[in-house]
Amino acid sequence: VCEKITEGYNSGLYSDAETKLANEIFRLLVKDTEMKIRLLIAESLKSNMQAPHDVIWALANDRQEIAVPILEFSHVLSEEDLIAIVQATREHAKLKAITRRESISKELSHALIEKRDHEITCSLLSNKGASISDTSMDVILEEFARENSVLEELVLRGGLSYEFAERLFSVVSDTLKKQLTRKYRMGRHVAEDMTASAREAAVL
């Protein structure tokens, strides 16, 4: 029955009265104790822009298996909704789902980075649709200067300012130094000077 209702709902062929009735049915079903029902609704409504906000919000705050498709795909959730969810949870599956969204604002990116978790940060950096501010980049470099997986994602991401690339150069491995030098056309003398400074700091 649930499958038939969601299929009709997504087809756009329901009348206003039928749509209203379907919304009420969804409100009842998201309270269902059967996880399979809630998961079916989440998968069915994740791309529907007309789905009622309260239903989508309930699914987004459900168990992670149910919340993940909504958090990754639903555009019914507002920027404020997503930031609130990020700030309220430490569940990796939910946070990673948000990092995979098609587009992510600087504000939402910063909220994710403020979790100070290298896996979440790596996932965010690998998403080309994520906008990340200079301030957030500074936080990443400060927090994960010794985390190779994050530093590698920073180098691979590209689009860094020359100044930031220079700072990044001083903390990455020799292999990543070569990539940075090629990507940002750093003069050989700049690269050598920074390498020498890094060695001197390490000796001290």
C-alpha atoms as a PDB file:
ATOM      1  CA  VAL A   1       0.000   0.000   0.000  1.00  0.00           C
ATOM      2  CA  CYS A   2       2.824   2.355   0.918  1.00  0.00           C
ATOM      3  CA  GLU A   3       4.578   1.699  -2.418  1.00  0.00           C
ATOM      4  CA  LYS A   4       1.402   2.429  -4.375  1.00  0.00           C
ATOM      5  CA  ILE A   5       0.841   5.698  -2.522  1.00  0.00           C
ATOM      6  CA  THR A   6       4.409   6.927  -3.053  1.00  0.00           C
ATOM      7  CA  GLU A   7       4.360   5.951  -6.739  1.00  0.00           C
ATOM      8  CA  GLY A   8       1.137   7.899  -7.303  1.00  0.00           C
ATOM      9  CA  TYR A   9       2.426  10.822  -5.253  1.00  0.00           C
ATOM     10  CA  ASN A  10       5.671  11.089  -7.262  1.00  0.00           C
ATOM     11  CA  SER A  11       3.837  10.757 -10.578  1.00  0.00           C
ATOM     12  CA  GLY A  12       2.294  14.208 -10.084  1.00  0.00           C
ATOM     13  CA  LEU A  13      -1.086  12.885 -11.194  1.00  0.00           C
ATOM     14  CA  TYR A  14      -2.789  13.204  -7.815  1.00  0.00           C
ATOM     15  CA  SER A  15      -5.442  15.874  -7.389  1.00  0.00           C
ATOM     16  CA  ASP A  16      -4.989  18.480  -4.635  1.00  0.00           C
ATOM     17  CA  ALA A  17      -7.317  16.496  -2.375  1.00  0.00           C
ATOM     18  CA  GLU A  18      -5.443  13.243  -3.055  1.00  0.00           C
ATOM     19  CA  THR A  19      -2.080  14.934  -2.419  1.00  0.00           C
ATOM     20  CA  LYS A  20      -3.346  16.324   0.868  1.00  0.00           C
ATOM     21  CA  LEU A  21      -4.586  12.877   1.890  1.00  0.00           C
ATOM     22  CA  ALA A  22      -1.234  11.289   0.899  1.00  0.00           C
ATOM     23  CA  ASN A  23       0.611  13.851   3.050  1.00  0.00           C
ATOM     24  CA  GLU A  24      -1.525  12.883   6.037  1.00  0.00           C
ATOM     25  CA  ILE A  25      -0.800   9.215   5.396  1.00  0.00           C
ATOM     26  CA  PHE A  26       2.956   9.965   5.290  1.00  0.00           C
ATOM     27  CA  ARG A  27       2.662  11.782   8.624  1.00  0.00           C
ATOM     28  CA  LEU A  28       1.134   8.672  10.143  1.00  0.00           C
ATOM     29  CA  LEU A  29       3.596   6.269   8.516  1.00  0.00           C
ATOM     30  CA  VAL A  30       6.768   8.093   9.657  1.00  0.00           C
ATOM     31  CA  LYS A  31       5.640   7.214  13.192  1.00  0.00           C
ATOM     32  CA  ASP A  32       5.419   3.549  12.194  1.00  0.00           C
ATOM     33  CA  THR A  33       7.537   1.186  14.281  1.00  0.00           C
ATOM     34  CA  GLU A  34       8.459  -0.789  11.164  1.00  0.00           C
ATOM     35  CA  MET A  35      11.772   0.597   9.856  1.00  0.00           C
ATOM     36  CA  LYS A  36      11.186  -0.882   6.390  1.00  0.00           C
ATOM     37  CA  ILE A  37       8.154   1.386   5.922  1.00  0.00           C
ATOM     38  CA  ARG A  38      10.030   4.539   6.916  1.00  0.00           C
ATOM     39  CA  LEU A  39      12.981   3.600   4.703  1.00  0.00           C
ATOM     40  CA  LEU A  40      10.658   3.070   1.741  1.00  0.00           C
ATOM     41  CA  ILE A  41       9.151   6.533   2.255  1.00  0.00           C
ATOM     42  CA  ALA A  42      12.613   8.122   2.603  1.00  0.00           C
ATOM     43  CA  GLU A  43      13.868   6.547  -0.637  1.00  0.00           C
ATOM     44  CA  SER A  44      10.657   7.502  -2.453  1.00  0.00           C
ATOM     45  CA  LEU A  45      10.513  11.133  -1.294  1.00  0.00           C
ATOM     46  CA  LYS A  46      14.232  12.024  -1.297  1.00  0.00           C
ATOM     47  CA  SER A  47      13.994  13.781  -4.689  1.00  0.00           C
ATOM     48  CA  ASN A  48      10.433  15.122  -4.424  1.00  0.00           C
ATOM     49  CA  MET A  49      10.461  18.906  -3.927  1.00  0.00           C
ATOM     50  CA  GLN A  50       6.751  18.896  -3.027  1.00  0.00           C
ATOM     51  CA  ALA A  51       7.088  16.552  -0.050  1.00  0.00           C
ATOM     52  CA  PRO A  52       5.896  18.162   3.203  1.00  0.00           C
ATOM     53  CA  HIS A  53       8.700  19.678   5.257  1.00  0.00           C
ATOM     54  CA  ASP A  54       7.618  18.102   8.552  1.00  0.00           C
ATOM     55  CA  VAL A  55       7.723  14.611   7.029  1.00  0.00           C
ATOM     56  CA  ILE A  56      11.180  15.172   5.502  1.00  0.00           C
ATOM     57  CA  TRP A  57      12.428  16.685   8.771  1.00  0.00           C
ATOM     58  CA  ALA A  58      11.205  13.629  10.713  1.00  0.00           C
ATOM     59  CA  LEU A  59      12.953  11.279   8.278  1.00  0.00           C
ATOM     60  CA  ALA A  60      16.174  13.338   8.390  1.00  0.00           C
ATOM     61  CA  ASN A  61      16.259  12.913  12.164  1.00  0.00           C
ATOM     62  CA  ASP A  62      15.384   9.214  12.110  1.00  0.00           C
ATOM     63  CA  ARG A  63      17.862   6.328  12.347  1.00  0.00           C
ATOM     64  CA  GLN A  64      20.856   6.784  10.067  1.00  0.00           C
ATOM     65  CA  GLU A  65      19.732   4.144   7.542  1.00  0.00           C
ATOM     66  CA  ILE A  66      16.551   6.159   6.963  1.00  0.00           C
ATOM     67  CA  ALA A  67      18.083   9.609   7.265  1.00  0.00           C
ATOM     68  CA  VAL A  68      20.980   9.121   4.802  1.00  0.00           C
ATOM     69  CA  PRO A  69      19.023   9.312   1.482  1.00  0.00           C
ATOM     70  CA  ILE A  70      17.104  12.372   2.724  1.00  0.00           C
ATOM     71  CA  LEU A  71      20.233  14.162   3.967  1.00  0.00           C
ATOM     72  CA  GLU A  72      22.114  13.483   0.749  1.00  0.00           C
ATOM     73  CA  PHE A  73      19.417  14.325  -1.804  1.00  0.00           C
ATOM     74  CA  SER A  74      16.420  16.216  -0.419  1.00  0.00           C
ATOM     75  CA  HIS A  75      16.121  19.908  -1.318  1.00  0.00           C
ATOM     76  CA  VAL A  76      13.112  20.303   0.957  1.00  0.00           C
ATOM     77  CA  LEU A  77      15.537  20.741   3.854  1.00  0.00           C
ATOM     78  CA  SER A  78      16.703  24.332   4.235  1.00  0.00           C
ATOM     79  CA  GLU A  79      20.230  25.536   4.889  1.00  0.00           C
ATOM     80  CA  GLU A  80      19.251  26.183   8.511  1.00  0.00           C
ATOM     81  CA  ASP A  81      17.831  22.646   8.808  1.00  0.00           C
ATOM     82  CA  LEU A  82      21.061  21.063   7.595  1.00  0.00           C
ATOM     83  CA  ILE A  83      23.298  23.192   9.823  1.00  0.00           C
ATOM     84  CA  ALA A  84      21.111  22.360  12.832  1.00  0.00           C
ATOM     85  CA  ILE A  85      21.385  18.629  12.061  1.00  0.00           C
ATOM     86  CA  VAL A  86      25.172  18.870  11.649  1.00  0.00           C
ATOM     87  CA  GLN A  87      25.529  20.663  14.974  1.00  0.00           C
ATOM     88  CA  ALA A  88      23.267  18.185  16.776  1.00  0.00           C
ATOM     89  CA  THR A  89      24.795  14.869  15.649  1.00  0.00           C
ATOM     90  CA  ARG A  90      28.091  13.013  15.655  1.00  0.00           C
ATOM     91  CA  GLU A  91      26.813  10.102  13.540  1.00  0.00           C
ATOM     92  CA  HIS A  92      29.308   9.626  10.702  1.00  0.00           C
ATOM     93  CA  ALA A  93      26.786   8.190   8.257  1.00  0.00           C
ATOM     94  CA  LYS A  94      24.537  11.254   8.569  1.00  0.00           C
ATOM     95  CA  LEU A  95      27.387  13.764   8.380  1.00  0.00           C
ATOM     96  CA  LYS A  96      28.971  12.021   5.391  1.00  0.00           C
ATOM     97  CA  ALA A  97      25.617  12.003   3.596  1.00  0.00           C
ATOM     98  CA  ILE A  98      25.511  15.793   3.922  1.00  0.00           C
ATOM     99  CA  THR A  99      29.082  16.114   2.614  1.00  0.00           C
ATOM    100  CA  ARG A 100      27.975  14.317  -0.574  1.00  0.00           C
ATOM    101  CA  ARG A 101      25.181  16.771  -1.427  1.00  0.00           C
ATOM    102  CA  GLU A 102      25.233  18.186  -4.947  1.00  0.00           C
ATOM    103  CA  SER A 103      26.055  21.669  -3.671  1.00  0.00           C
ATOM    104  CA  ILE A 104      27.153  22.843  -0.234  1.00  0.00           C
ATOM    105  CA  SER A 105      27.363  26.456   0.904  1.00  0.00           C
ATOM    106  CA  LYS A 106      30.342  27.938   2.725  1.00  0.00           C
ATOM    107  CA  GLU A 107      28.305  28.160   5.923  1.00  0.00           C
ATOM    108  CA  LEU A 108      27.289  24.498   5.828  1.00  0.00           C
ATOM    109  CA  SER A 109      30.859  23.480   4.934  1.00  0.00           C
ATOM    110  CA  HIS A 110      32.171  25.392   7.931  1.00  0.00           C
ATOM    111  CA  ALA A 111      29.688  23.649  10.251  1.00  0.00           C
ATOM    112  CA  LEU A 112      30.928  20.284   8.940  1.00  0.00           C
ATOM    113  CA  ILE A 113      34.590  21.279   9.328  1.00  0.00           C
ATOM    114  CA  GLU A 114      33.915  22.415  12.894  1.00  0.00           C
ATOM    115  CA  LYS A 115      33.181  18.780  13.765  1.00  0.00           C
ATOM    116  CA  ARG A 116      36.995  18.445  13.636  1.00  0.00           C
ATOM    117  CA  ASP A 117      36.734  14.938  12.203  1.00  0.00           C
ATOM    118  CA  HIS A 118      39.226  13.911   9.514  1.00  0.00           C
ATOM    119  CA  GLU A 119      36.870  11.466   7.744  1.00  0.00           C
ATOM    120  CA  ILE A 120      34.106  14.070   7.457  1.00  0.00           C
ATOM    121  CA  THR A 121      36.593  16.704   6.308  1.00  0.00           C
ATOM    122  CA  CYS A 122      38.085  14.374   3.668  1.00  0.00           C
ATOM    123  CA  SER A 123      34.637  13.568   2.319  1.00  0.00           C
ATOM    124  CA  LEU A 124      33.782  17.277   2.121  1.00  0.00           C
ATOM    125  CA  LEU A 125      37.053  18.195   0.376  1.00  0.00           C
ATOM    126  CA  SER A 126      36.488  15.492  -2.249  1.00  0.00           C
ATOM    127  CA  ASN A 127      33.141  17.080  -3.198  1.00  0.00           C
ATOM    128  CA  LYS A 128      33.741  19.638  -5.974  1.00  0.00           C
ATOM    129  CA  GLY A 129      30.269  21.055  -5.347  1.00  0.00           C
ATOM    130  CA  ALA A 130      31.231  22.180  -1.854  1.00  0.00           C
ATOM    131  CA  SER A 131      32.156  25.839  -1.396  1.00  0.00           C
ATOM    132  CA  ILE A 132      34.762  26.317   1.312  1.00  0.00           C
ATOM    133  CA  SER A 133      35.773  29.721   2.663  1.00  0.00           C
ATOM    134  CA  ASP A 134      39.353  30.855   3.347  1.00  0.00           C
ATOM    135  CA  THR A 135      38.547  30.848   7.071  1.00  0.00           C
ATOM    136  CA  SER A 136      37.438  27.205   6.874  1.00  0.00           C
ATOM    137  CA  MET A 137      40.601  26.318   4.951  1.00  0.00           C
ATOM    138  CA  ASP A 138      42.668  27.860   7.743  1.00  0.00           C
ATOM    139  CA  VAL A 139      40.814  25.715  10.293  1.00  0.00           C
ATOM    140  CA  ILE A 140      41.508  22.589   8.226  1.00  0.00           C
ATOM    141  CA  LEU A 141      45.228  23.318   7.954  1.00  0.00           C
ATOM    142  CA  GLU A 142      45.494  24.153  11.638  1.00  0.00           C
ATOM    143  CA  GLU A 143      43.526  21.114  12.791  1.00  0.00           C
ATOM    144  CA  PHE A 144      44.866  18.485  10.358  1.00  0.00           C
ATOM    145  CA  ALA A 145      48.464  19.545   9.677  1.00  0.00           C
ATOM    146  CA  ARG A 146      49.577  16.009  10.638  1.00  0.00           C
ATOM    147  CA  GLU A 147      46.735  14.110   8.957  1.00  0.00           C
ATOM    148  CA  ASN A 148      48.046  12.890   5.589  1.00  0.00           C
ATOM    149  CA  SER A 149      44.642  11.855   4.231  1.00  0.00           C
ATOM    150  CA  VAL A 150      43.271  15.382   4.704  1.00  0.00           C
ATOM    151  CA  LEU A 151      46.405  17.037   3.297  1.00  0.00           C
ATOM    152  CA  GLU A 152      46.203  14.818   0.220  1.00  0.00           C
ATOM    153  CA  GLU A 153      42.567  15.791  -0.374  1.00  0.00           C
ATOM    154  CA  LEU A 154      43.546  19.471  -0.058  1.00  0.00           C
ATOM    155  CA  VAL A 155      46.215  19.055  -2.739  1.00  0.00           C
ATOM    156  CA  LEU A 156      43.928  17.041  -5.043  1.00  0.00           C
ATOM    157  CA  ARG A 157      41.053  19.499  -4.624  1.00  0.00           C
ATOM    158  CA  GLY A 158      42.870  22.340  -6.359  1.00  0.00           C
ATOM    159  CA  GLY A 159      41.579  25.905  -6.578  1.00  0.00           C
ATOM    160  CA  LEU A 160      43.666  26.973  -3.588  1.00  0.00           C
ATOM    161  CA  SER A 161      45.065  30.471  -3.311  1.00  0.00           C
ATOM    162  CA  TYR A 162      48.797  30.729  -4.004  1.00  0.00           C
ATOM    163  CA  GLU A 163      49.384  31.949  -0.452  1.00  0.00           C
ATOM    164  CA  PHE A 164      47.525  28.967   1.022  1.00  0.00           C
ATOM    165  CA  ALA A 165      49.355  26.581  -1.336  1.00  0.00           C
ATOM    166  CA  GLU A 166      52.676  27.923  -0.003  1.00  0.00           C
ATOM    167  CA  ARG A 167      51.566  27.290   3.596  1.00  0.00           C
ATOM    168  CA  LEU A 168      50.347  23.840   2.651  1.00  0.00           C
ATOM    169  CA  PHE A 169      53.681  23.092   0.954  1.00  0.00           C
ATOM    170  CA  SER A 170      55.528  23.414   4.249  1.00  0.00           C
ATOM    171  CA  VAL A 171      53.597  20.577   5.937  1.00  0.00           C
ATOM    172  CA  VAL A 172      53.002  17.967   3.201  1.00  0.00           C
ATOM    173  CA  SER A 173      55.097  14.987   2.118  1.00  0.00           C
ATOM    174  CA  ASP A 174      57.679  15.173  -0.686  1.00  0.00           C
ATOM    175  CA  THR A 175      55.272  13.494  -3.123  1.00  0.00           C
ATOM    176  CA  LEU A 176      52.553  16.074  -2.422  1.00  0.00           C
ATOM    177  CA  LYS A 177      55.150  18.872  -2.604  1.00  0.00           C
ATOM    178  CA  LYS A 178      55.848  17.867  -6.224  1.00  0.00           C
ATOM    179  CA  GLN A 179      52.119  17.963  -7.038  1.00  0.00           C
ATOM    180  CA  LEU A 180      51.730  21.403  -5.464  1.00  0.00           C
ATOM    181  CA  THR A 181      54.775  22.734  -7.326  1.00  0.00           C
ATOM    182  CA  ARG A 182      53.297  21.552 -10.644  1.00  0.00           C
ATOM    183  CA  LYS A 183      49.735  22.696  -9.930  1.00  0.00           C
ATOM    184  CA  TYR A 184      50.580  26.182  -8.705  1.00  0.00           C
ATOM    185  CA  ARG A 185      53.723  26.727 -10.780  1.00  0.00           C
ATOM    186  CA  MET A 186      55.820  27.556  -7.748  1.00  0.00           C
ATOM    187  CA  GLY A 187      59.271  28.740  -8.680  1.00  0.00           C
ATOM    188  CA  ARG A 188      61.989  26.238  -7.888  1.00  0.00           C
ATOM    189  CA  HIS A 189      63.701  28.679  -5.536  1.00  0.00           C
ATOM    190  CA  VAL A 190      60.441  29.130  -3.575  1.00  0.00           C
ATOM    191  CA  ALA A 191      60.033  25.379  -3.193  1.00  0.00           C
ATOM    192  CA  GLU A 192      63.686  24.943  -2.181  1.00  0.00           C
ATOM    193  CA  ASP A 193      63.545  27.812   0.330  1.00  0.00           C
ATOM    194  CA  MET A 194      60.391  26.403   1.934  1.00  0.00           C
ATOM    195  CA  THR A 195      61.875  22.903   2.072  1.00  0.00           C
ATOM    196  CA  ALA A 196      65.016  24.264   3.720  1.00  0.00           C
ATOM    197  CA  SER A 197      62.917  26.226   6.256  1.00  0.00           C
ATOM    198  CA  ALA A 198      60.891  23.129   7.064  1.00  0.00           C
ATOM    199  CA  ARG A 199      64.055  21.081   7.619  1.00  0.00           C
ATOM    200  CA  GLU A 200      65.521  23.793   9.826  1.00  0.00           C
ATOM    201  CA  ALA A 201      62.344  23.924  11.920  1.00  0.00           C
ATOM    202  CA  ALA A 202      62.382  20.134  12.249  1.00  0.00           C
ATOM    203  CA  VAL A 203      66.024  20.172  13.420  1.00  0.00           C
ATOM    204  CA  LEU A 204      65.298  22.912  15.959  1.00  0.00           C
END
